[in-house]
N, C-alpha and C. Protein backbone atom coordinates (compact mmCIF):
# COMPACT_ATOMS: atom_id res chain seq x y z
N MET A 1 105.00 78.71 102.89
CA MET A 1 105.27 80.02 102.75
C MET A 1 106.21 80.69 104.40
N SER A 2 107.31 81.11 103.15
CA SER A 2 107.37 82.56 105.37
C SER A 2 106.43 83.07 105.17
N ARG A 3 107.17 83.23 106.67
CA ARG A 3 106.66 83.59 107.11
C ARG A 3 106.03 85.54 107.19
N GLN A 4 107.35 86.09 106.24
CA GLN A 4 106.35 87.02 105.90
C GLN A 4 105.94 87.36 104.69
N LEU A 5 106.00 86.72 103.52
CA LEU A 5 105.28 86.00 102.93
C LEU A 5 103.95 86.19 103.58
N ALA A 6 103.73 85.29 104.35
CA ALA A 6 101.82 84.82 104.71
C ALA A 6 101.79 86.18 105.34
N SER A 7 102.39 87.41 105.83
CA SER A 7 102.38 87.82 107.23
C SER A 7 101.41 89.19 106.08
N LEU A 8 102.53 89.70 104.01
CA LEU A 8 102.76 90.71 103.64
C LEU A 8 101.35 89.97 103.55
N LEU A 9 100.62 89.06 101.82
CA LEU A 9 99.37 88.21 101.48
C LEU A 9 98.32 88.53 101.93
N LYS A 10 98.14 88.57 104.15
CA LYS A 10 97.22 88.60 105.18
C LYS A 10 96.79 90.14 105.15
N SER A 11 98.44 90.85 104.82
CA SER A 11 97.69 92.80 105.33
C SER A 11 97.56 93.77 104.25
N TYR A 12 97.90 92.87 102.92
CA TYR A 12 97.90 93.53 101.67
C TYR A 12 96.77 94.37 101.70
N PRO A 13 96.31 95.06 101.45
CA PRO A 13 94.84 96.07 100.76
C PRO A 13 94.60 95.33 99.54
N ALA A 14 93.23 94.72 99.65
CA ALA A 14 92.20 94.48 98.78
C ALA A 14 92.21 95.98 97.46
N GLN A 15 92.30 95.43 95.86
CA GLN A 15 91.36 96.78 96.21
C GLN A 15 90.56 96.08 94.15
N ALA A 16 90.26 96.69 94.04
CA ALA A 16 89.14 96.15 92.80
C ALA A 16 90.01 95.52 92.03
N SER A 17 88.85 94.77 91.06
CA SER A 17 89.45 93.96 89.82
C SER A 17 90.09 95.71 88.56
N PRO A 18 91.05 95.57 88.14
CA PRO A 18 91.48 96.38 86.64
C PRO A 18 90.27 96.76 85.84
N TRP A 19 89.92 95.14 85.53
CA TRP A 19 88.50 94.84 84.50
C TRP A 19 86.87 95.04 85.05
N LEU A 20 86.98 95.75 85.94
CA LEU A 20 85.13 95.66 86.78
C LEU A 20 84.86 96.62 85.55
N GLU A 21 85.36 97.91 85.26
CA GLU A 21 84.61 99.04 83.85
C GLU A 21 85.46 97.66 82.57
N LYS A 22 84.43 97.51 81.83
CA LYS A 22 84.42 96.82 80.79
C LYS A 22 85.04 97.26 79.10
N ASP A 23 84.94 99.16 79.46
CA ASP A 23 85.82 99.16 78.25
C ASP A 23 87.33 100.08 78.43
N GLU A 24 87.90 99.52 77.31
CA GLU A 24 89.42 98.91 77.88
C GLU A 24 89.66 100.36 78.53
N ASP A 25 89.11 101.80 77.39
CA ASP A 25 90.01 102.80 77.85
C ASP A 25 89.20 103.66 79.26
N ALA A 26 88.53 103.05 79.82
CA ALA A 26 88.14 102.92 81.37
C ALA A 26 89.69 101.93 82.06
N VAL A 27 89.64 101.15 82.10
CA VAL A 27 90.26 100.53 81.93
C VAL A 27 92.34 101.37 82.09
N LEU A 28 91.97 100.86 80.68
CA LEU A 28 93.47 102.20 81.13
C LEU A 28 93.19 103.33 81.96
N SER A 29 91.68 104.04 81.78
CA SER A 29 92.96 105.68 82.70
C SER A 29 92.30 105.04 84.62
N ALA A 30 91.22 103.68 84.73
CA ALA A 30 91.80 103.89 86.09
C ALA A 30 93.29 102.69 86.67
N LEU A 31 94.29 102.40 85.80
CA LEU A 31 95.41 102.06 86.18
C LEU A 31 95.94 103.32 86.19
N LEU A 32 96.21 104.05 85.27
CA LEU A 32 96.89 104.90 85.14
C LEU A 32 96.63 106.04 86.64
N ALA A 33 95.32 106.59 86.51
CA ALA A 33 94.59 106.94 87.85
C ALA A 33 95.49 106.67 89.74
N GLY A 34 95.75 105.12 89.70
CA GLY A 34 95.90 104.52 90.69
C GLY A 34 97.79 103.95 90.68
N ARG A 35 98.40 104.51 89.54
CA ARG A 35 99.40 103.58 89.81
C ARG A 35 100.08 104.44 90.85
N GLU A 36 100.95 105.58 91.29
CA GLU A 36 100.90 106.02 92.30
C GLU A 36 101.04 105.63 93.32
N ASP A 37 99.37 105.05 93.77
CA ASP A 37 99.15 104.59 94.55
C ASP A 37 99.53 102.90 95.22
N ARG A 38 99.63 102.04 93.67
CA ARG A 38 99.88 101.27 93.48
C ARG A 38 101.96 101.02 93.94
N ILE A 39 101.75 101.56 93.00
CA ILE A 39 103.73 102.07 93.41
C ILE A 39 103.96 102.10 94.52
N SER A 40 103.34 102.78 95.63
CA SER A 40 103.48 102.74 97.12
C SER A 40 103.25 101.88 97.74
N ARG A 41 101.94 101.48 97.60
CA ARG A 41 101.57 100.25 98.03
C ARG A 41 102.19 98.95 98.38
N LEU A 42 102.87 98.47 96.63
CA LEU A 42 104.12 97.14 96.54
C LEU A 42 105.30 98.00 97.32
N ALA A 43 106.26 99.31 97.14
CA ALA A 43 106.68 99.82 97.61
C ALA A 43 107.00 99.65 99.31
N ALA A 44 106.07 99.73 99.96
CA ALA A 44 105.69 99.01 101.85
C ALA A 44 105.68 97.70 101.88
N ALA A 45 104.94 97.85 101.33
CA ALA A 45 105.24 95.97 101.40
C ALA A 45 106.37 95.15 100.46
N LEU A 46 107.39 95.59 100.53
CA LEU A 46 108.12 95.01 100.27
C LEU A 46 110.27 95.63 101.04
N ARG A 47 109.04 97.10 102.09
CA ARG A 47 110.45 97.07 102.74
C ARG A 47 110.99 96.01 103.92
N PRO A 48 110.05 94.90 104.43
CA PRO A 48 111.26 93.81 104.81
C PRO A 48 111.63 93.01 104.34
N PHE A 49 112.00 92.74 103.18
CA PHE A 49 112.49 91.97 102.12
C PHE A 49 113.79 92.75 101.61
N VAL A 50 113.59 94.00 101.86
CA VAL A 50 115.01 94.72 101.96
C VAL A 50 115.58 95.42 100.23
N ILE A 51 113.91 96.02 99.65
CA ILE A 51 114.04 96.19 98.70
C ILE A 51 113.51 97.32 98.36
N ASP A 52 113.78 98.35 98.23
CA ASP A 52 114.13 99.74 98.36
C ASP A 52 113.38 100.55 96.79
N VAL A 53 111.73 100.59 97.25
CA VAL A 53 111.40 99.94 95.34
C VAL A 53 111.69 102.15 94.28
N ALA A 54 111.33 102.63 95.51
CA ALA A 54 112.30 103.98 95.76
C ALA A 54 113.22 104.44 94.56
N ALA A 55 113.90 104.21 95.25
CA ALA A 55 115.34 104.68 95.20
C ALA A 55 115.90 103.71 93.83
N LEU A 56 115.67 102.09 94.15
CA LEU A 56 116.01 101.71 91.90
C LEU A 56 115.08 101.79 91.50
N MET A 57 113.96 102.71 91.78
CA MET A 57 112.95 102.86 90.07
C MET A 57 113.80 104.05 89.70
N SER A 58 114.32 105.65 91.21
CA SER A 58 115.03 106.54 90.40
C SER A 58 116.50 105.76 89.94
N ALA A 59 116.81 105.48 90.71
CA ALA A 59 118.35 105.03 90.13
C ALA A 59 118.91 103.74 89.22
N GLU A 60 118.15 102.88 89.06
CA GLU A 60 118.55 101.36 88.54
C GLU A 60 117.35 100.93 88.15
N PRO A 61 116.15 101.64 87.79
CA PRO A 61 115.77 100.78 86.79
C PRO A 61 115.57 99.10 87.21
N LEU A 62 116.71 98.86 85.82
CA LEU A 62 116.41 97.83 86.13
C LEU A 62 117.03 96.28 86.93
N ALA A 63 117.46 97.23 87.94
CA ALA A 63 117.84 96.08 88.91
C ALA A 63 117.13 95.97 90.18
N LEU A 64 115.81 97.17 89.53
CA LEU A 64 114.14 96.97 90.54
C LEU A 64 113.81 95.93 90.12
N VAL A 65 113.31 95.41 88.62
CA VAL A 65 113.44 94.75 87.44
C VAL A 65 113.99 93.23 88.47
N ASP A 66 115.22 93.81 87.95
CA ASP A 66 116.23 92.05 88.94
C ASP A 66 115.10 91.87 90.28
N ALA A 67 115.95 92.99 90.93
CA ALA A 67 114.39 92.51 92.49
C ALA A 67 113.26 91.59 92.83
N LEU A 68 112.96 92.14 91.79
CA LEU A 68 111.22 92.14 91.26
C LEU A 68 111.22 90.47 90.91
N ASP A 69 112.15 90.31 89.67
CA ASP A 69 112.44 89.09 89.50
C ASP A 69 112.83 87.58 90.30
N ARG A 70 113.90 88.32 91.27
CA ARG A 70 114.68 87.28 92.29
C ARG A 70 113.58 87.08 93.11
N TRP A 71 113.19 88.17 93.80
CA TRP A 71 112.14 87.66 95.23
C TRP A 71 110.62 87.01 94.49
N SER A 72 110.03 87.05 93.65
CA SER A 72 108.79 86.86 93.27
C SER A 72 109.17 84.99 93.07
N ALA A 73 110.51 84.05 92.94
CA ALA A 73 110.83 83.27 91.84
C ALA A 73 110.74 82.32 93.27
N ALA A 74 111.70 83.35 94.75
CA ALA A 74 111.97 83.14 95.62
C ALA A 74 110.90 82.84 96.83
N HIS A 75 109.78 83.89 96.73
CA HIS A 75 108.45 83.89 98.12
C HIS A 75 107.45 83.60 97.26
N TRP A 76 106.84 83.30 95.89
CA TRP A 76 105.66 83.27 95.20
C TRP A 76 104.98 81.46 95.36
N ARG A 77 106.54 80.76 94.82
CA ARG A 77 106.73 79.67 94.93
C ARG A 77 105.04 78.73 95.88
N SER A 78 105.36 79.40 96.95
CA SER A 78 104.65 78.31 98.14
C SER A 78 103.46 78.92 97.83
N ALA A 79 102.99 79.89 97.47
CA ALA A 79 101.35 81.23 97.92
C ALA A 79 100.88 81.00 96.66
N ALA A 80 101.36 80.32 95.42
CA ALA A 80 100.51 79.96 94.07
C ALA A 80 99.94 79.21 94.08
N GLY A 81 98.55 79.21 94.62
CA GLY A 81 97.62 78.33 93.32
C GLY A 81 96.98 77.75 92.78
N SER A 82 96.20 76.59 91.27
CA SER A 82 96.44 76.77 90.59
C SER A 82 94.34 76.69 90.78
N GLU A 83 93.94 76.91 91.37
CA GLU A 83 92.47 77.42 91.57
C GLU A 83 92.96 78.86 91.44
N TRP A 84 93.84 79.18 91.45
CA TRP A 84 93.85 81.21 90.92
C TRP A 84 94.88 81.52 89.42
N ALA A 85 96.12 80.28 89.37
CA ALA A 85 96.23 80.41 88.10
C ALA A 85 95.11 80.28 87.42
N ASP A 86 94.37 80.57 87.17
CA ASP A 86 93.77 80.62 84.96
C ASP A 86 93.57 82.71 85.15
N PRO A 87 93.47 82.42 84.01
CA PRO A 87 93.74 84.15 83.32
C PRO A 87 92.11 84.57 83.39
N GLU A 88 91.64 83.50 83.46
CA GLU A 88 90.04 84.02 83.10
C GLU A 88 89.41 84.41 84.77
N HIS A 89 90.16 83.65 85.80
CA HIS A 89 89.50 84.39 86.83
C HIS A 89 90.32 85.73 87.25
N PHE A 90 91.02 85.64 87.44
CA PHE A 90 92.45 87.11 87.23
C PHE A 90 91.87 88.52 86.47
N ARG A 91 91.50 88.05 85.83
CA ARG A 91 90.84 89.24 84.83
C ARG A 91 89.35 89.19 84.82
N LYS A 92 88.31 88.65 85.83
CA LYS A 92 87.34 89.54 85.71
C LYS A 92 87.00 90.52 86.74
N PRO A 93 86.27 90.53 85.98
CA PRO A 93 85.36 92.16 86.21
C PRO A 93 85.92 91.89 88.48
N VAL A 94 85.01 91.16 88.98
CA VAL A 94 85.23 91.19 90.44
C VAL A 94 85.92 89.90 90.78
N TRP A 95 86.78 89.99 91.77
CA TRP A 95 87.62 89.64 92.77
C TRP A 95 86.53 89.50 93.91
N ALA A 96 85.95 88.00 93.94
CA ALA A 96 85.15 88.01 95.17
C ALA A 96 85.66 87.28 96.76
N GLN A 97 86.55 86.95 96.58
CA GLN A 97 87.58 85.95 98.20
C GLN A 97 88.40 87.06 98.09
N PRO A 98 88.30 87.55 99.59
CA PRO A 98 89.55 88.81 99.98
C PRO A 98 90.86 88.27 99.94
N ALA A 99 91.14 86.85 99.72
CA ALA A 99 92.53 86.47 99.69
C ALA A 99 92.77 86.78 98.46
N GLN A 100 91.49 85.96 97.27
CA GLN A 100 91.50 86.43 96.47
C GLN A 100 92.69 87.36 95.12
N ALA A 101 91.41 88.65 95.95
CA ALA A 101 91.63 89.28 95.55
C ALA A 101 93.12 90.59 96.17
N SER A 102 93.93 90.05 97.11
CA SER A 102 94.52 90.95 97.63
C SER A 102 95.61 90.18 97.04
N THR A 103 95.67 89.27 96.79
CA THR A 103 96.79 88.62 96.23
C THR A 103 96.39 88.46 94.00
N TYR A 104 96.44 88.58 94.29
CA TYR A 104 95.31 89.65 92.44
C TYR A 104 96.39 91.08 92.69
N THR A 105 95.71 91.70 93.09
CA THR A 105 95.96 92.82 93.37
C THR A 105 97.81 93.57 93.81
N LEU A 106 98.35 91.93 94.28
CA LEU A 106 99.71 92.55 94.39
C LEU A 106 100.64 92.40 92.91
N ILE A 107 99.48 91.43 92.58
CA ILE A 107 100.26 91.10 90.63
C ILE A 107 99.97 91.91 90.41
N VAL A 108 98.89 92.99 89.70
CA VAL A 108 98.22 93.31 89.69
C VAL A 108 99.91 95.15 89.78
N ASP A 109 99.78 94.76 91.09
CA ASP A 109 101.07 96.57 91.58
C ASP A 109 102.38 95.79 90.38
N MET A 110 102.51 94.95 90.85
CA MET A 110 103.77 94.50 90.58
C MET A 110 104.40 94.11 88.78
N GLY A 111 103.15 94.51 87.93
CA GLY A 111 102.56 94.53 87.04
C GLY A 111 103.21 96.34 86.74
N VAL A 112 102.26 96.65 87.08
CA VAL A 112 102.29 98.23 87.34
C VAL A 112 103.83 98.99 87.02
N VAL A 113 104.86 98.55 88.66
CA VAL A 113 106.04 98.44 88.87
C VAL A 113 106.25 98.50 87.25
N MET A 114 106.58 97.11 87.44
CA MET A 114 107.79 96.77 86.04
C MET A 114 107.61 97.38 84.83
N GLY A 115 105.58 98.21 84.41
CA GLY A 115 105.50 98.87 83.41
C GLY A 115 106.63 100.45 84.02
N GLU A 116 106.18 100.34 84.78
CA GLU A 116 107.03 102.28 85.32
C GLU A 116 108.55 101.85 85.23
N ALA A 117 108.76 101.08 85.30
CA ALA A 117 110.06 100.41 85.39
C ALA A 117 110.72 100.89 84.01
N VAL A 118 110.44 100.16 83.13
CA VAL A 118 110.29 100.62 81.24
C VAL A 118 110.25 101.86 80.63
N LEU A 119 108.80 102.33 81.52
CA LEU A 119 109.09 104.01 81.16
C LEU A 119 110.13 104.88 81.38
N GLN A 120 110.86 104.70 82.57
CA GLN A 120 112.33 104.85 82.86
C GLN A 120 113.21 105.19 81.86
N LEU A 121 113.54 103.68 81.65
CA LEU A 121 114.64 103.02 80.82
C LEU A 121 113.66 103.72 79.77
N ARG A 122 112.78 103.91 78.89
CA ARG A 122 112.69 104.78 78.03
C ARG A 122 112.15 105.41 77.89
N PRO A 123 112.40 106.70 77.96
CA PRO A 123 111.14 107.76 77.60
C PRO A 123 110.79 107.94 76.90
N GLY A 124 109.48 107.91 76.96
CA GLY A 124 109.35 108.63 74.61
C GLY A 124 108.42 107.05 75.13
N LEU A 125 108.25 105.83 76.15
CA LEU A 125 106.64 105.00 75.68
C LEU A 125 106.33 105.13 77.38
N ALA A 126 104.88 104.41 76.88
CA ALA A 126 103.98 105.16 77.39
C ALA A 126 102.48 104.38 77.76
N TRP A 127 101.88 103.74 79.05
CA TRP A 127 100.95 103.08 78.95
C TRP A 127 100.03 103.52 78.13
N ALA A 128 99.16 101.92 77.26
CA ALA A 128 97.98 101.66 76.14
C ALA A 128 97.81 100.93 76.32
N VAL A 129 96.62 100.88 75.18
CA VAL A 129 95.66 99.70 74.85
C VAL A 129 96.00 99.52 73.56
N ASP A 130 96.84 98.22 73.78
CA ASP A 130 97.09 97.93 71.91
C ASP A 130 95.99 96.90 71.51
N ARG A 131 96.25 98.17 70.47
CA ARG A 131 94.68 98.10 68.85
C ARG A 131 96.17 98.33 67.75
N TYR A 132 96.96 97.09 68.22
CA TYR A 132 98.10 96.99 66.47
C TYR A 132 96.81 96.22 66.35
N GLU A 133 97.39 96.57 64.90
CA GLU A 133 96.13 95.84 63.82
C GLU A 133 97.14 94.57 63.72
N ALA A 134 98.13 94.36 63.91
CA ALA A 134 99.38 93.14 63.02
C ALA A 134 97.98 91.95 64.19
N HIS A 135 98.01 92.56 65.55
CA HIS A 135 98.24 92.18 66.75
C HIS A 135 96.74 91.37 67.09
N GLU A 136 96.10 92.34 66.24
CA GLU A 136 94.27 91.87 65.97
C GLU A 136 94.28 90.46 65.18
N ALA A 137 95.21 90.57 63.99
CA ALA A 137 95.03 89.90 63.21
C ALA A 137 95.59 88.62 63.40
N ASP A 138 96.53 88.08 63.96
CA ASP A 138 97.69 87.41 64.67
C ASP A 138 96.09 86.81 66.23
N GLY A 139 95.70 87.26 66.29
CA GLY A 139 95.23 86.30 67.74
C GLY A 139 95.48 87.08 69.47
N VAL A 140 96.91 87.66 69.27
CA VAL A 140 97.75 87.54 70.21
C VAL A 140 96.76 88.23 71.77
N SER A 141 96.91 87.81 73.08
CA SER A 141 96.51 87.59 74.04
C SER A 141 96.24 89.91 74.80
N HIS A 142 97.31 90.60 74.22
CA HIS A 142 97.38 91.68 74.71
C HIS A 142 96.70 92.37 74.00
N PHE A 143 95.89 91.89 72.38
CA PHE A 143 95.70 92.95 72.05
C PHE A 143 94.43 93.09 72.69
N GLY A 144 94.14 94.57 72.38
CA GLY A 144 92.80 95.31 74.09
C GLY A 144 93.42 95.38 75.50
N GLN A 145 94.22 95.24 75.67
CA GLN A 145 95.07 94.92 77.00
C GLN A 145 95.51 95.76 76.89
N VAL A 146 95.67 97.10 78.39
CA VAL A 146 96.79 97.83 78.60
C VAL A 146 97.93 97.52 78.72
N VAL A 147 99.14 98.08 77.75
CA VAL A 147 100.64 96.83 78.08
C VAL A 147 101.45 99.01 77.30
N VAL A 148 102.23 98.68 77.85
CA VAL A 148 103.66 99.26 77.07
C VAL A 148 104.03 99.49 76.12
N LEU A 149 103.55 100.83 75.43
CA LEU A 149 104.21 100.58 74.59
C LEU A 149 105.36 102.05 73.64
N ASP A 150 104.78 101.96 72.78
CA ASP A 150 106.06 103.18 71.80
C ASP A 150 104.87 104.31 71.22
N PRO A 151 104.05 104.80 70.99
CA PRO A 151 103.17 105.81 70.48
C PRO A 151 103.63 106.54 69.31
N ALA A 152 104.70 106.22 69.13
CA ALA A 152 105.25 107.20 68.20
C ALA A 152 104.78 106.18 67.09
N VAL A 153 104.91 104.36 67.81
CA VAL A 153 104.38 103.80 66.39
C VAL A 153 103.06 103.23 65.44
N PRO A 154 103.12 103.76 64.66
CA PRO A 154 101.48 103.47 63.73
C PRO A 154 101.10 102.43 64.20
N LYS A 155 99.28 102.11 64.02
CA LYS A 155 98.65 101.43 63.88
C LYS A 155 98.16 100.54 63.56
N ASP A 156 98.73 100.39 62.08
CA ASP A 156 99.10 99.61 60.76
C ASP A 156 100.81 99.08 60.98
N ALA A 157 101.56 99.69 61.93
CA ALA A 157 102.95 98.66 61.87
C ALA A 157 102.50 96.90 61.68
N ARG A 158 104.02 96.90 61.80
CA ARG A 158 104.12 95.16 61.00
C ARG A 158 104.37 94.40 62.63
N SER A 159 105.11 95.11 62.66
CA SER A 159 105.51 93.62 63.88
C SER A 159 105.77 94.60 65.17
N PRO A 160 104.97 95.68 65.95
CA PRO A 160 104.97 96.07 66.86
C PRO A 160 105.34 95.76 68.31
N ALA A 161 106.25 96.21 69.31
CA ALA A 161 106.87 95.65 70.54
C ALA A 161 105.94 96.22 71.28
N VAL A 162 105.38 95.73 72.44
CA VAL A 162 104.77 95.87 73.23
C VAL A 162 105.37 95.35 74.75
N PHE A 163 105.66 95.86 75.45
CA PHE A 163 105.33 95.32 76.88
C PHE A 163 104.22 95.19 77.60
N ASP A 164 103.49 93.34 77.60
CA ASP A 164 102.78 93.93 78.84
C ASP A 164 102.77 93.40 80.35
N ALA A 165 102.99 94.53 80.85
CA ALA A 165 103.39 93.72 82.23
C ALA A 165 102.42 93.63 82.92
N ILE A 166 101.12 93.71 83.12
CA ILE A 166 100.61 92.93 84.10
C ILE A 166 100.78 91.48 83.97
N ASP A 167 100.61 90.47 83.06
CA ASP A 167 100.46 89.83 81.98
C ASP A 167 101.76 89.14 82.45
N VAL A 168 102.86 89.66 82.43
CA VAL A 168 104.29 89.33 82.82
C VAL A 168 104.91 88.66 84.13
N ALA A 169 103.35 89.90 85.14
CA ALA A 169 103.31 89.50 86.03
C ALA A 169 102.40 88.06 87.13
N PHE A 170 100.84 88.26 86.39
CA PHE A 170 100.64 87.37 86.86
C PHE A 170 101.69 86.05 85.98
N MET A 171 101.76 85.70 84.89
CA MET A 171 102.25 84.78 84.58
C MET A 171 103.30 83.65 84.78
N ARG A 172 104.56 85.00 85.87
CA ARG A 172 105.43 84.58 87.16
C ARG A 172 104.03 83.13 88.72
N TYR A 173 103.39 84.16 88.28
CA TYR A 173 101.97 83.65 89.99
C TYR A 173 101.98 81.98 88.78
N GLN A 174 101.70 82.29 87.88
CA GLN A 174 100.69 80.87 86.23
C GLN A 174 101.40 79.59 86.86
N CYS A 175 103.21 80.54 86.21
CA CYS A 175 104.12 79.15 85.76
C CYS A 175 104.32 78.85 86.99
N LEU A 176 104.61 79.49 88.60
CA LEU A 176 103.99 79.27 90.16
C LEU A 176 103.51 78.14 90.55
N ALA A 177 102.91 78.27 89.86
CA ALA A 177 101.54 77.33 90.45
C ALA A 177 101.21 75.88 89.63
N TYR A 178 101.83 76.24 88.78
CA TYR A 178 101.98 74.82 87.83
C TYR A 178 103.20 74.31 86.63
N ASP A 179 104.21 74.79 88.08
CA ASP A 179 106.00 74.38 88.60
C ASP A 179 106.18 74.09 86.92
N GLN A 180 105.88 75.45 86.18
CA GLN A 180 106.64 75.44 84.52
C GLN A 180 108.01 76.20 85.14
N PRO A 181 108.59 76.02 84.25
CA PRO A 181 109.73 76.81 84.14
C PRO A 181 109.85 78.95 84.12
N LEU A 182 110.31 79.93 84.72
CA LEU A 182 110.17 80.89 84.95
C LEU A 182 111.38 81.47 83.95
N GLU A 183 109.97 82.24 83.82
CA GLU A 183 111.00 83.36 82.08
C GLU A 183 111.53 84.86 82.52
N PRO A 184 113.16 85.47 82.72
CA PRO A 184 113.39 86.11 83.70
C PRO A 184 112.35 87.92 82.77
N PHE A 185 112.06 88.04 83.87
CA PHE A 185 110.95 89.84 83.63
C PHE A 185 111.46 90.17 81.92
N ILE A 186 113.08 90.69 82.37
CA ILE A 186 113.65 90.82 81.33
C ILE A 186 113.12 90.88 79.81
N GLU A 187 112.71 89.33 79.87
CA GLU A 187 112.35 89.24 78.02
C GLU A 187 111.30 89.43 77.92
N GLY A 188 110.11 89.99 78.72
CA GLY A 188 109.18 89.72 78.72
C GLY A 188 109.40 91.57 77.69
N MET A 189 110.29 92.30 78.06
CA MET A 189 110.53 93.94 77.65
C MET A 189 110.96 94.05 76.59
N ARG A 190 111.49 92.69 76.62
CA ARG A 190 112.80 92.84 75.17
C ARG A 190 112.57 94.03 73.60
N GLY A 191 111.75 93.43 73.58
CA GLY A 191 110.72 94.69 71.55
C GLY A 191 111.25 95.55 72.02
N LEU A 192 110.52 95.88 73.77
CA LEU A 192 110.67 97.69 73.61
C LEU A 192 112.77 98.15 73.83
N LEU A 193 113.09 97.21 74.73
CA LEU A 193 114.29 97.98 75.06
C LEU A 193 115.10 97.24 73.91
N TRP A 194 114.89 96.52 72.82
CA TRP A 194 116.71 95.87 72.01
C TRP A 194 116.76 97.98 71.40
N SER A 195 116.48 98.68 71.45
CA SER A 195 116.94 99.55 70.04
C SER A 195 117.97 100.37 71.75
N THR A 196 116.96 100.01 72.53
CA THR A 196 118.68 101.21 73.64
C THR A 196 118.87 100.46 74.76
N HIS A 197 118.94 99.45 74.29
CA HIS A 197 119.66 98.75 75.81
C HIS A 197 120.21 96.62 75.01
N ARG A 198 120.62 97.55 73.77
CA ARG A 198 121.22 95.82 73.48
C ARG A 198 121.46 95.12 74.28
N TYR A 199 122.41 95.73 74.64
CA TYR A 199 123.57 94.57 75.50
C TYR A 199 123.47 93.76 76.40
N LEU A 200 121.54 93.69 76.75
CA LEU A 200 120.45 93.33 77.75
C LEU A 200 121.36 91.59 76.95
N TYR A 201 120.87 91.48 75.67
CA TYR A 201 120.18 90.22 75.45
C TYR A 201 121.13 90.46 74.00
N ALA A 202 122.71 90.33 74.01
CA ALA A 202 123.86 89.73 73.52
C ALA A 202 124.23 88.92 73.82
N GLY A 203 124.21 87.54 72.67
CA GLY A 203 124.48 86.94 73.79
C GLY A 203 123.83 85.72 73.59
């Protein structure tokens, strides 16, 4: 683990699990209320890595997503441990160990930042609880979770697109812990960006 990352994880301010609240709407409200703090916290942590979150979010959201992609791929591998890579541990209402809480807080913060980047790219999208009937019927993991979606798409839509930003960030940690291939973050955004940023997926 690099000295910079070790120092970051040691000092990263641990927060309570977003899933401390059992009600999905309460989880959403808590994430919305704390998102500015999450963005600021991650921005401060990434300054030593020469990533300007605020500037990139404002001017080049896709460049920010790419920077987070490259940074996590380069620096997280040595820090990702299989004991914390279980999604059931991640989504527990309480993160008991301080180091675990700091690591999970960083992951959630990065997910929130990526979600905000998508909101910048496609105005009109919003954070919401995934209650699409098709997702419930298919038993997808993000049904009932807080995701980025298009609120104009009806709940009974056949193939509604969402971006489970927090899970995408956690999956990066999980793949590194288990030495699995990494999927670019932009892939998780494909469904929501296809209509406005189709060039990203050409070929």
